[in-house]
Each structure stands twice: as structure tokens, then as C-alpha cells.
Protein backbone atom coordinates (compact mmCIF):
# COMPACT_ATOMS: atom_id res chain seq x y z
CA MET A 1 0.00 0.00 0.00
CA SER A 2 1.09 3.57 -0.64
CA VAL A 3 0.19 6.73 1.26
CA LEU A 4 0.66 10.40 0.37
CA VAL A 5 0.53 12.95 3.19
CA LEU A 6 0.24 16.66 2.42
CA SER A 7 0.82 19.06 5.30
CA ALA A 8 1.84 22.68 5.79
CA CYS A 9 4.94 24.41 7.09
CA SER A 10 4.72 26.08 10.48
CA GLY A 11 5.51 29.53 11.78
CA ASP A 12 7.33 27.99 14.74
CA LYS A 13 10.83 26.95 13.76
CA GLU A 14 13.89 25.42 15.36
CA ILE A 15 15.82 28.62 14.63
CA ASP A 16 14.56 31.79 16.33
CA ASP A 17 14.42 35.16 14.54
CA PRO A 18 15.40 33.99 11.03
CA GLU A 19 17.08 36.56 8.79
CA ILE A 20 15.52 35.39 5.52
CA VAL A 21 12.15 36.77 4.39
CA CYS A 22 9.99 36.41 1.27
CA ASP A 23 11.97 39.04 -0.67
CA ASP A 24 15.19 37.04 -0.22
CA ILE A 25 13.51 33.79 -1.23
CA ASP A 26 12.08 35.30 -4.42
CA SER A 27 15.42 36.74 -5.51
CA THR A 28 17.80 33.93 -4.56
CA SER A 29 17.77 30.16 -5.15
CA ARG A 30 17.18 27.81 -2.24
CA SER A 31 20.59 26.19 -2.71
CA ALA A 32 22.34 29.57 -2.63
CA LEU A 33 20.51 30.53 0.56
CA VAL A 34 21.37 27.19 2.17
CA ASP A 35 25.02 27.73 1.29
CA LYS A 36 25.02 31.28 2.62
CA TYR A 37 23.16 30.42 5.82
CA ALA A 38 24.54 26.93 6.35
CA GLU A 39 24.58 27.19 10.14
CA THR A 40 20.85 27.92 10.29
CA SER A 41 19.72 25.51 7.57
CA LEU A 42 17.97 22.27 8.48
CA PRO A 43 15.86 19.53 6.87
CA ALA A 44 12.26 20.69 6.62
CA GLU A 45 10.94 18.07 9.04
CA THR A 46 13.38 19.35 11.67
CA LEU A 47 13.15 23.06 10.88
CA TYR A 48 9.40 23.24 11.50
CA THR A 49 8.41 22.77 15.13
CA GLY A 50 4.73 23.75 15.26
CA ASP A 51 2.37 21.47 17.17
CA GLU A 52 0.43 20.42 14.06
CA HIS A 53 3.68 19.59 12.27
CA GLU A 54 4.85 17.45 15.19
CA TYR A 55 1.58 15.49 15.18
CA VAL A 56 1.85 14.95 11.43
CA LYS A 57 5.43 13.73 11.84
CA ALA A 58 4.28 11.20 14.46
CA ALA A 59 1.49 10.04 12.12
CA VAL A 60 3.93 9.64 9.23
CA ASP A 61 6.24 7.54 11.40
CA ARG A 62 3.32 5.26 12.26
CA PHE A 63 2.08 5.03 8.66
CA ARG A 64 5.59 4.00 7.59
CA GLU A 65 5.14 0.84 9.66
CA MET A 66 2.19 -0.08 7.43
CA ALA A 67 2.86 1.37 3.98
CA ASP A 68 5.19 3.22 1.62
CA VAL A 69 4.76 6.87 2.60
CA ASP A 70 5.44 9.97 0.54
CA TRP A 71 5.26 13.00 2.84
CA ARG A 72 5.28 16.44 1.24
CA ILE A 73 5.19 19.78 3.04
CA ILE A 74 3.81 22.96 1.49
CA SER A 75 6.26 25.74 2.26
CA ALA A 76 4.95 29.23 1.51
CA GLY A 77 8.54 30.19 0.88
CA PHE A 78 9.90 27.32 -1.19
CA GLY A 79 6.89 25.43 -2.56
CA LEU A 80 6.32 21.70 -2.14
CA VAL A 81 9.26 20.13 -0.32
CA ARG A 82 10.22 16.72 0.98
CA PRO A 83 10.85 16.34 4.73
CA GLU A 84 14.56 15.81 4.09
CA THR A 85 14.90 18.91 1.89
CA LYS A 86 17.31 21.32 3.55
CA LEU A 87 15.91 24.82 4.00
CA PRO A 88 17.38 27.98 5.50
CA ALA A 89 15.50 29.34 8.50
CA TYR A 90 13.04 31.88 7.10
CA GLU A 91 9.90 33.89 7.76
CA CYS A 92 7.40 33.77 4.88
CA THR A 93 3.76 32.69 5.02
CA PHE A 94 0.53 32.69 3.03
CA ASN A 95 -1.23 34.07 6.12
CA ASP A 96 0.28 37.56 5.66
CA ASP A 97 -1.81 39.15 2.90
CA ASP A 98 0.50 42.17 2.51
CA ALA A 99 3.49 39.90 1.94
CA VAL A 100 1.51 37.75 -0.52
CA ARG A 101 0.40 40.90 -2.36
CA ARG A 102 4.00 42.08 -2.74
CA ARG A 103 5.08 38.67 -3.99
CA ALA A 104 2.29 38.57 -6.56
CA VAL A 105 3.43 41.95 -7.89
CA ARG A 106 7.06 40.74 -8.01
CA PHE A 107 5.90 37.76 -10.04
CA GLY A 108 4.24 40.10 -12.56
CA TYR A 109 0.59 40.03 -11.48
CA ASP A 110 -1.68 43.04 -11.16
CA SER A 111 -2.58 42.58 -7.52
CA SER A 112 -5.52 45.00 -7.72
CA ASP A 113 -7.28 42.58 -10.09
CA LEU A 114 -6.96 39.65 -7.66
CA THR A 115 -8.83 38.66 -4.53
CA LYS A 116 -6.91 37.48 -1.48
CA ALA A 117 -7.52 33.90 -2.62
CA GLY A 118 -6.41 34.79 -6.13
CA ARG A 119 -3.17 36.29 -4.85
CA ILE A 120 -2.34 33.16 -2.86
CA GLN A 121 -3.11 30.97 -5.86
CA ALA A 122 -1.00 33.16 -8.16
CA VAL A 123 2.01 32.89 -5.85
CA ALA A 124 1.40 29.15 -5.42
CA GLU A 125 1.44 28.71 -9.20
CA GLU A 126 4.77 30.54 -9.41
CA LEU A 127 6.15 28.25 -6.69
CA GLY A 128 4.88 25.21 -8.60
CA ILE A 129 2.78 23.93 -5.72
CA PRO A 130 -0.28 22.60 -7.63
CA ARG A 131 1.87 21.22 -10.43
CA ASN A 132 4.14 19.34 -8.04
CA ILE A 133 1.22 17.93 -6.05
CA GLU A 134 -0.23 16.66 -9.32
CA LYS A 135 3.11 14.95 -10.04
CA CYS A 136 2.90 13.18 -6.68
CA LEU A 137 -0.62 12.06 -7.54
CA THR A 138 0.41 10.61 -10.90
CA ASP A 139 1.79 7.64 -8.93
CA SER A 140 -1.83 7.03 -7.80
CA PRO A 141 -1.18 6.52 -4.10
CA ASP A 142 -3.76 4.24 -2.51
CA VAL A 143 -4.59 6.79 0.17
CA THR A 144 -3.92 10.52 0.47
CA PHE A 145 -4.28 12.55 3.66
CA VAL A 146 -4.51 16.35 3.44
CA VAL A 147 -3.79 18.39 6.59
CA LEU A 148 -3.90 22.04 5.51
CA GLY A 149 -5.33 25.29 6.81
CA GLU A 150 -7.37 27.63 4.61
CA GLU A 151 -4.55 29.56 2.93
CA TYR A 152 -2.61 26.38 2.21
CA LEU A 153 -5.72 24.64 0.87
CA LEU A 154 -6.09 27.57 -1.51
CA SER A 155 -2.53 27.03 -2.71
CA ALA A 156 -3.30 23.37 -3.45
CA GLU A 157 -6.94 23.64 -4.51
CA SER A 158 -6.57 23.01 -8.25
CA ALA A 159 -4.51 19.85 -7.65
CA LEU A 160 -6.99 18.55 -5.08
CA SER A 161 -9.70 18.78 -7.74
CA SER A 162 -7.93 16.21 -9.90
CA ILE A 163 -7.42 13.24 -7.57
CA PRO A 164 -6.92 10.01 -9.59
CA ASP A 165 -9.79 7.51 -9.52
CA GLU A 166 -7.43 4.93 -8.00
CA THR A 167 -6.69 7.17 -5.01
CA THR A 168 -8.91 7.63 -1.97
CA ALA A 169 -8.22 11.06 -0.54
CA PHE A 170 -9.25 12.51 2.83
CA ALA A 171 -8.95 16.10 4.02
CA PHE A 172 -9.22 17.28 7.60
CA ALA A 173 -10.98 20.63 7.49
CA PRO A 174 -13.47 22.85 9.33
CA LYS A 175 -16.83 23.52 7.69
CA GLY A 176 -15.63 26.90 6.42
CA THR A 177 -13.01 25.36 4.14
CA ARG A 178 -14.92 22.28 3.05
CA ASP A 179 -15.44 23.76 -0.41
CA LEU A 180 -11.65 23.92 -0.93
CA ILE A 181 -10.89 20.20 -0.56
CA GLY A 182 -11.72 19.24 -4.15
CA ASP A 183 -12.17 15.50 -4.67
CA CYS A 184 -11.19 14.62 -1.09
CA GLN A 185 -13.60 13.08 1.36
CA TRP A 186 -14.23 15.45 4.25
CA ILE A 187 -13.03 14.57 7.75
CA PRO A 188 -14.63 17.22 9.99
CA SER A 189 -12.27 19.33 12.09
CA THR A 190 -14.98 21.34 13.79
CA GLU A 191 -15.81 22.53 17.28
CA THR A 192 -17.30 19.09 17.95
CA GLU A 193 -13.96 17.35 17.31
CA ARG A 194 -12.00 20.08 19.10
CA GLU A 195 -14.10 19.68 22.23
CA ALA A 196 -13.96 15.89 22.03
CA LEU A 197 -10.16 16.03 22.08
CA GLY A 198 -9.87 18.98 24.45
CA THR A 199 -7.31 20.59 22.18
CA THR A 200 -6.71 23.89 20.37
CA TRP A 201 -7.59 24.83 16.80
CA MET A 202 -3.88 25.03 15.94
CA ARG A 203 -3.36 21.42 17.00
CA LEU A 204 -6.65 19.85 15.95
CA LYS A 205 -6.03 18.60 12.38
CA GLY A 206 -2.59 17.22 13.15
CA ARG A 207 -3.81 15.51 16.29
CA GLN A 208 -6.68 13.93 14.36
CA LEU A 209 -4.26 12.52 11.78
CA ARG A 210 -2.01 11.21 14.56
CA ASN A 211 -5.01 9.51 16.15
CA VAL A 212 -6.03 7.90 12.86
CA ALA A 213 -2.52 6.52 12.39
CA SER A 214 -2.35 5.29 15.98
CA ASN A 215 -5.69 3.49 15.75
CA LEU A 216 -5.03 1.65 12.49
CA THR A 217 -3.25 -1.67 12.22
CA THR A 218 -3.31 -1.75 8.41
CA ILE A 219 -4.11 0.84 5.75
CA THR A 220 -6.68 -1.54 4.29
CA GLU A 221 -8.88 -0.92 7.35
CA ILE A 222 -9.81 2.46 5.93
CA GLN A 223 -13.32 2.27 4.57
CA SER A 224 -14.92 5.71 4.66
CA GLY A 225 -14.59 9.27 5.86
CA GLU A 226 -17.03 8.58 8.68
CA ASP A 227 -14.87 5.69 9.89
CA LEU A 228 -11.84 7.95 9.88
CA ARG A 229 -13.69 10.70 11.70
CA GLU A 230 -14.41 8.26 14.53
CA LEU A 231 -10.79 7.09 14.62
CA SER A 232 -9.57 10.70 14.59
CA ILE A 233 -11.17 11.52 17.96
CA ARG A 234 -10.20 8.24 19.62
CA GLU A 235 -7.04 8.66 21.69
């Protein structure tokens, strides 16, 4: 069995107060930045330290006991990266609309003609995020798990609307972003699930994925989104 996991970068990082911002990333290659800032460059899975990321990492470790796992992280700075991809410590996010607006202009878009969602999607296209997710999906993984907040779902939306027929995809999302998950089956990440787990919104989706992984013995046990929803709130 094969599993694809799509998750997001985190604002919390192993390196405090990074020097690199979006402007640097858009004007300099990743490899050149890694060379220049070698002492503060780390593999993506180590660089990001947010709670959701840590839960996803634990889930991936568990899934690897059951299946071949391809884990990809959407970095607002560098696009779709593998966990082992070395990145310089940086500060750049899709959550900062002013920064996204400036990037869209740098990439040649007329920002005044775009909505906030359109700006994120324009920058995501320039970073190759949808295209590279589609490449991952061409291998038709048996199961795909999507653990993304609203802005990161927007960056991936077009690729999530072209899930192969051979792939069963699930997305953890609140009701407000359900329309962004494309062909994925919806796993609710709502107030009901948050209260059931006694956790925070920032941790909820990652914790649900971790719970799913912990409660499975084989990937073939997965039958439906409702089954997964129940597993996701079982500690």
C-alpha cells in the first residue's frame, strides 16, 4: 500500500528570529541561501516545530510501519518540499496578505485585479505547488491525507480537484473550508472534534491525523470518511 501525506509548514521553527524573508527567497535560489546560511539551515521536518507539524510527523512515522509513505510539506517560501529537503531558516507565510500581495506583484501580477484567494493561488502557481502535487498524484497513491489550513488549501486547490480515480483522498478541514478540498472526502475538524479532544484549533487537524494513524493496524482498514472521523477523535 502507498500513502501520500500533504501538510503545511509552520511559523514555529527550530531557529529563532530567522534573517531570511519572502523578498530574499524570491530573488535567490534555495541552494544559494542554504550555502550562505549553512549554520541555520535544516531539513524541513526538523526546521518546522509547530504542534500540528509534530503530530503529522508522528502520524507519518506510524504510517511507515504499514505502507510506503510519501510526505510532502507545502512551504509558503519554497513550494512543495520533501521532509529531508534542507531549508534555510526563514519567515514567509501565506497568512500575511500584505506579503503575498508584494510577492504577486514581483511575479508580474496586477494585484488589484486579484482577490486574497487569487493572490495566494497566483504565488502558489509561481512556486509550482499545484503542479508538483499533481506529479505526486500521478503515482496514484492508494490513500492521500490532506492536513492544511485555509490559505494552504487555496494554494493546493486546483490539484486537489484532480485526484486520480485509484486514489482515496481525505482532508481534515473545518466547515468553512470544506469547499476547498476538491475531490477529497471530508473529515470534519470542527468545534465538535476540538471539544472531544480537548485541544486547540492550531493542534486539531494534526492531532486527528495522529489519532487515525495510531488506531489503524493496516491501511486496508480504511473504509470511509465517517470511519476515519471516529478514529480521529479516539485517543
